[in-house]
Structure formats: C-alpha cells, structure tokens
Amino acid sequence: MDALTRESAGLETTVDRSTAPAPDRGGTALFLRRWLAHPLQMGSVVPSSPALCRRLVRAAWPQEGETVLELGAGTGVIGRALLDAGLPPERLIAVEIVPAMAA
C-alpha cells in the first residue's frame, strides 16, 4: 500500500526518529510535488532552511518542563533542529498527517 493509499484510507504511520539519522526523503522536490498535488494541505512549498530552523530554535526554546508540539512537522527538519540543540526527545511531539512526509 503506497503512502497516498494509506493517507486516503485514514491509516496512521508512527515513526520514531529519536535515535535514527534522518533519511533523505526528497526535501524540496517532495514538498513541491505535495504542494502541486494538494496546495491547501501544505503550509510551505519548500522545507525550512537550516538558518530558519536555528532561528526558530532560539526564538521558541521551551521553558523547563514544557513540551514542544509541532503541528505539520513535514519532513522533521525543525524537530531535528530542536533535538540537535539538546531538547530531550520525550519533550517533543511532532504531528504530520501526510504519511509520505513523515515516512
């Protein structure tokens, strides 16, 4: 069953990336293909750049005991930046409804 079939069937995909390196999932090409196919489902045409991720991490660093909820995590570049900056994995919840983006 491909990702679009899983998506239309309402099936969930859970991926634990806390210990595994991120695979190359197509980056800009994947975002552009998804945007062309479903423009109202995408918040961006391209993934966030490393510079933007660093700025977001600095601007949105959680207080002690707070958890980060990332809605529409895409391919996970912002979540990875938070983890790389030292956020414990148990304090990050990333939600992505498009299995092709999260896979």
N, C-alpha and C. Protein backbone atom coordinates (compact mmCIF):
# COMPACT_ATOMS: atom_id res chain seq x y z
N MET A 1 0.86 -1.17 0.00
CA MET A 1 0.00 0.00 0.00
C MET A 1 0.90 1.23 0.00
N ASP A 2 0.74 2.12 -0.99
CA ASP A 2 1.58 3.31 -1.03
C ASP A 2 1.09 4.37 -0.05
N ALA A 3 1.88 5.43 0.12
CA ALA A 3 1.58 6.46 1.12
C ALA A 3 0.25 7.14 0.87
N LEU A 4 -0.06 7.43 -0.40
CA LEU A 4 -1.32 8.11 -0.68
C LEU A 4 -2.51 7.22 -0.39
N THR A 5 -2.38 5.91 -0.66
CA THR A 5 -3.45 4.98 -0.33
C THR A 5 -3.63 4.90 1.18
N ARG A 6 -2.53 4.82 1.93
CA ARG A 6 -2.63 4.81 3.40
C ARG A 6 -3.29 6.08 3.89
N GLU A 7 -2.92 7.22 3.28
CA GLU A 7 -3.48 8.51 3.70
C GLU A 7 -4.99 8.53 3.46
N SER A 8 -5.42 8.13 2.27
CA SER A 8 -6.85 8.19 1.96
C SER A 8 -7.64 7.16 2.75
N ALA A 9 -6.99 6.08 3.19
CA ALA A 9 -7.67 5.07 3.99
C ALA A 9 -7.73 5.47 5.46
N GLY A 10 -7.09 6.58 5.81
CA GLY A 10 -7.11 7.05 7.20
C GLY A 10 -6.18 6.28 8.12
N LEU A 11 -5.19 5.59 7.56
CA LEU A 11 -4.26 4.82 8.38
C LEU A 11 -3.18 5.72 8.94
N GLU A 12 -2.70 5.40 10.12
CA GLU A 12 -1.67 6.20 10.77
C GLU A 12 -0.31 5.57 10.58
N THR A 13 0.70 6.41 10.51
CA THR A 13 2.08 5.97 10.45
C THR A 13 2.82 6.62 11.60
N THR A 14 3.48 5.82 12.42
CA THR A 14 4.27 6.36 13.53
C THR A 14 5.72 6.04 13.27
N VAL A 15 6.56 7.06 13.33
CA VAL A 15 7.98 6.90 13.07
C VAL A 15 8.75 7.45 14.25
N ASP A 16 9.63 6.63 14.86
CA ASP A 16 10.47 7.09 15.97
C ASP A 16 11.82 7.50 15.40
N ARG A 17 12.08 8.81 15.39
CA ARG A 17 13.34 9.30 14.85
C ARG A 17 14.28 9.76 15.95
N SER A 18 13.99 9.43 17.19
CA SER A 18 14.81 9.95 18.28
C SER A 18 16.23 9.39 18.27
N THR A 19 16.43 8.21 17.69
CA THR A 19 17.76 7.62 17.72
C THR A 19 18.32 7.35 16.33
N ALA A 20 17.51 7.44 15.30
CA ALA A 20 17.96 7.12 13.96
C ALA A 20 18.27 8.39 13.17
N PRO A 21 19.30 8.36 12.34
CA PRO A 21 19.54 9.52 11.49
C PRO A 21 18.41 9.67 10.49
N ALA A 22 18.13 10.88 10.10
CA ALA A 22 17.03 11.14 9.17
C ALA A 22 17.42 10.70 7.76
N PRO A 23 16.58 9.89 7.13
CA PRO A 23 16.86 9.51 5.75
C PRO A 23 16.54 10.67 4.82
N ASP A 24 17.12 10.64 3.62
CA ASP A 24 16.80 11.65 2.62
C ASP A 24 15.44 11.31 2.05
N ARG A 25 14.48 12.20 2.25
CA ARG A 25 13.12 11.94 1.78
C ARG A 25 12.74 12.86 0.64
N GLY A 26 13.68 13.41 -0.07
CA GLY A 26 13.37 14.20 -1.24
C GLY A 26 13.37 15.70 -1.02
N GLY A 27 13.34 16.16 0.22
CA GLY A 27 13.43 17.57 0.53
C GLY A 27 12.53 18.46 -0.29
N THR A 28 13.15 19.39 -1.02
CA THR A 28 12.41 20.38 -1.79
C THR A 28 11.52 19.73 -2.83
N ALA A 29 12.01 18.72 -3.52
CA ALA A 29 11.21 18.06 -4.55
C ALA A 29 9.95 17.44 -3.96
N LEU A 30 10.07 16.80 -2.79
CA LEU A 30 8.90 16.21 -2.14
C LEU A 30 7.90 17.29 -1.76
N PHE A 31 8.36 18.38 -1.16
CA PHE A 31 7.46 19.48 -0.79
C PHE A 31 6.74 20.02 -2.02
N LEU A 32 7.49 20.26 -3.08
CA LEU A 32 6.89 20.83 -4.29
C LEU A 32 5.86 19.88 -4.90
N ARG A 33 6.18 18.59 -4.97
CA ARG A 33 5.22 17.61 -5.50
C ARG A 33 3.95 17.59 -4.66
N ARG A 34 4.10 17.57 -3.34
CA ARG A 34 2.93 17.56 -2.45
C ARG A 34 2.12 18.84 -2.61
N TRP A 35 2.79 19.98 -2.73
CA TRP A 35 2.09 21.25 -2.88
C TRP A 35 1.33 21.30 -4.20
N LEU A 36 1.95 20.83 -5.28
CA LEU A 36 1.26 20.82 -6.57
C LEU A 36 0.04 19.91 -6.53
N ALA A 37 0.14 18.79 -5.84
CA ALA A 37 -0.97 17.84 -5.76
C ALA A 37 -2.05 18.30 -4.78
N HIS A 38 -1.66 18.94 -3.68
CA HIS A 38 -2.61 19.31 -2.61
C HIS A 38 -2.23 20.67 -2.03
N PRO A 39 -2.40 21.76 -2.77
CA PRO A 39 -1.92 23.06 -2.29
C PRO A 39 -2.56 23.53 -0.99
N LEU A 40 -3.78 23.14 -0.70
CA LEU A 40 -4.43 23.58 0.52
C LEU A 40 -4.00 22.78 1.75
N GLN A 41 -3.28 21.69 1.56
CA GLN A 41 -2.80 20.88 2.68
C GLN A 41 -1.39 21.26 3.10
N MET A 42 -0.71 22.04 2.31
CA MET A 42 0.69 22.35 2.57
C MET A 42 0.85 23.78 3.07
N GLY A 43 1.64 23.95 4.11
CA GLY A 43 1.91 25.28 4.64
C GLY A 43 3.13 25.92 4.00
N SER A 44 3.88 25.16 3.22
CA SER A 44 5.09 25.66 2.59
C SER A 44 5.37 24.88 1.32
N VAL A 45 6.04 25.53 0.39
CA VAL A 45 6.42 24.87 -0.86
C VAL A 45 7.78 24.19 -0.72
N VAL A 46 8.59 24.65 0.22
CA VAL A 46 9.92 24.09 0.46
C VAL A 46 10.11 23.85 1.95
N PRO A 47 10.99 22.91 2.32
CA PRO A 47 11.27 22.70 3.75
C PRO A 47 12.00 23.91 4.34
N SER A 48 11.91 24.06 5.65
CA SER A 48 12.61 25.15 6.33
C SER A 48 14.11 24.98 6.19
N SER A 49 14.80 26.08 5.94
CA SER A 49 16.25 26.05 5.77
C SER A 49 16.93 25.84 7.12
N PRO A 50 18.18 25.40 7.12
CA PRO A 50 18.91 25.27 8.39
C PRO A 50 18.98 26.59 9.16
N ALA A 51 19.14 27.71 8.46
CA ALA A 51 19.20 29.01 9.14
C ALA A 51 17.87 29.33 9.81
N LEU A 52 16.76 29.07 9.13
CA LEU A 52 15.44 29.32 9.73
C LEU A 52 15.23 28.40 10.93
N CYS A 53 15.64 27.15 10.81
CA CYS A 53 15.49 26.21 11.93
C CYS A 53 16.25 26.71 13.16
N ARG A 54 17.47 27.20 12.95
CA ARG A 54 18.25 27.73 14.08
C ARG A 54 17.55 28.92 14.72
N ARG A 55 16.99 29.81 13.92
CA ARG A 55 16.27 30.98 14.45
C ARG A 55 15.03 30.54 15.23
N LEU A 56 14.31 29.56 14.70
CA LEU A 56 13.12 29.07 15.39
C LEU A 56 13.49 28.44 16.73
N VAL A 57 14.56 27.68 16.74
CA VAL A 57 15.01 27.04 17.99
C VAL A 57 15.32 28.11 19.03
N ARG A 58 16.04 29.15 18.63
CA ARG A 58 16.37 30.23 19.58
C ARG A 58 15.11 30.96 20.05
N ALA A 59 14.19 31.23 19.13
CA ALA A 59 13.00 32.02 19.46
C ALA A 59 11.96 31.24 20.26
N ALA A 60 11.91 29.94 20.06
CA ALA A 60 10.82 29.16 20.65
C ALA A 60 11.30 28.12 21.65
N TRP A 61 12.49 28.30 22.22
CA TRP A 61 13.00 27.30 23.16
C TRP A 61 12.06 27.22 24.36
N PRO A 62 11.62 26.01 24.72
CA PRO A 62 10.65 25.87 25.81
C PRO A 62 11.26 26.12 27.19
N GLN A 63 10.41 26.53 28.10
CA GLN A 63 10.82 26.69 29.50
C GLN A 63 10.98 25.29 30.11
N GLU A 64 11.65 25.23 31.23
CA GLU A 64 11.86 23.95 31.94
C GLU A 64 10.52 23.25 32.15
N GLY A 65 10.45 21.99 31.76
CA GLY A 65 9.24 21.19 31.96
C GLY A 65 8.20 21.31 30.86
N GLU A 66 8.35 22.27 29.96
CA GLU A 66 7.39 22.41 28.87
C GLU A 66 7.70 21.42 27.75
N THR A 67 6.66 21.07 27.01
CA THR A 67 6.78 20.18 25.86
C THR A 67 6.51 20.97 24.60
N VAL A 68 7.24 20.67 23.54
CA VAL A 68 7.03 21.31 22.24
C VAL A 68 6.08 20.45 21.42
N LEU A 69 5.03 21.06 20.89
CA LEU A 69 4.09 20.39 19.99
C LEU A 69 4.25 21.03 18.62
N GLU A 70 4.74 20.25 17.67
CA GLU A 70 4.92 20.75 16.31
C GLU A 70 3.83 20.17 15.43
N LEU A 71 2.90 21.01 15.02
CA LEU A 71 1.81 20.58 14.15
C LEU A 71 2.21 20.81 12.70
N GLY A 72 2.07 19.76 11.88
CA GLY A 72 2.51 19.87 10.49
C GLY A 72 4.02 19.81 10.41
N ALA A 73 4.58 18.76 10.98
CA ALA A 73 6.04 18.65 11.09
C ALA A 73 6.75 18.42 9.77
N GLY A 74 6.01 18.12 8.71
CA GLY A 74 6.65 17.90 7.42
C GLY A 74 7.67 16.79 7.50
N THR A 75 8.85 17.04 6.97
CA THR A 75 9.90 16.01 6.97
C THR A 75 10.73 16.03 8.25
N GLY A 76 10.38 16.91 9.19
CA GLY A 76 11.00 16.87 10.50
C GLY A 76 12.22 17.75 10.71
N VAL A 77 12.47 18.71 9.82
CA VAL A 77 13.70 19.50 9.95
C VAL A 77 13.71 20.37 11.21
N ILE A 78 12.57 20.92 11.59
CA ILE A 78 12.52 21.76 12.79
C ILE A 78 12.66 20.89 14.04
N GLY A 79 11.98 19.77 14.08
CA GLY A 79 12.11 18.85 15.21
C GLY A 79 13.53 18.37 15.38
N ARG A 80 14.20 18.04 14.26
CA ARG A 80 15.60 17.60 14.34
C ARG A 80 16.48 18.72 14.87
N ALA A 81 16.19 19.97 14.47
CA ALA A 81 16.98 21.10 14.97
C ALA A 81 16.81 21.25 16.47
N LEU A 82 15.59 21.06 16.97
CA LEU A 82 15.35 21.12 18.41
C LEU A 82 16.11 20.02 19.14
N LEU A 83 16.05 18.81 18.60
CA LEU A 83 16.76 17.69 19.22
C LEU A 83 18.27 17.90 19.17
N ASP A 84 18.77 18.39 18.02
CA ASP A 84 20.20 18.66 17.89
C ASP A 84 20.67 19.73 18.87
N ALA A 85 19.76 20.65 19.23
CA ALA A 85 20.11 21.72 20.17
C ALA A 85 20.01 21.26 21.62
N GLY A 86 19.58 20.02 21.82
CA GLY A 86 19.57 19.48 23.18
C GLY A 86 18.21 19.25 23.80
N LEU A 87 17.13 19.47 23.06
CA LEU A 87 15.80 19.18 23.62
C LEU A 87 15.67 17.67 23.78
N PRO A 88 15.31 17.19 24.96
CA PRO A 88 15.12 15.75 25.14
C PRO A 88 13.97 15.25 24.25
N PRO A 89 14.14 14.11 23.59
CA PRO A 89 13.10 13.59 22.69
C PRO A 89 11.73 13.46 23.34
N GLU A 90 11.69 13.16 24.64
CA GLU A 90 10.39 12.99 25.30
C GLU A 90 9.65 14.32 25.47
N ARG A 91 10.32 15.43 25.17
CA ARG A 91 9.67 16.74 25.27
C ARG A 91 9.28 17.30 23.91
N LEU A 92 9.32 16.47 22.87
CA LEU A 92 8.94 16.88 21.52
C LEU A 92 7.84 15.97 21.00
N ILE A 93 6.73 16.56 20.61
CA ILE A 93 5.65 15.83 19.95
C ILE A 93 5.49 16.44 18.57
N ALA A 94 5.75 15.66 17.54
CA ALA A 94 5.64 16.13 16.16
C ALA A 94 4.47 15.41 15.51
N VAL A 95 3.58 16.17 14.89
CA VAL A 95 2.39 15.61 14.26
C VAL A 95 2.43 15.95 12.77
N GLU A 96 2.30 14.93 11.94
CA GLU A 96 2.24 15.12 10.49
C GLU A 96 1.19 14.16 9.96
N ILE A 97 0.18 14.69 9.27
CA ILE A 97 -0.92 13.83 8.80
C ILE A 97 -0.64 13.19 7.44
N VAL A 98 0.40 13.63 6.75
CA VAL A 98 0.71 13.09 5.43
C VAL A 98 1.81 12.05 5.59
N PRO A 99 1.48 10.76 5.47
CA PRO A 99 2.48 9.71 5.67
C PRO A 99 3.71 9.85 4.78
N ALA A 100 3.55 10.33 3.55
CA ALA A 100 4.70 10.48 2.66
C ALA A 100 5.70 11.48 3.21
N MET A 101 5.23 12.47 3.95
CA MET A 101 6.13 13.46 4.54
C MET A 101 6.82 12.88 5.77
N ALA A 102 6.11 12.09 6.56
CA ALA A 102 6.65 11.56 7.81
C ALA A 102 7.45 10.28 7.62
N ALA A 103 7.30 9.63 6.49
CA ALA A 103 7.96 8.33 6.28
C ALA A 103 9.44 8.47 6.06
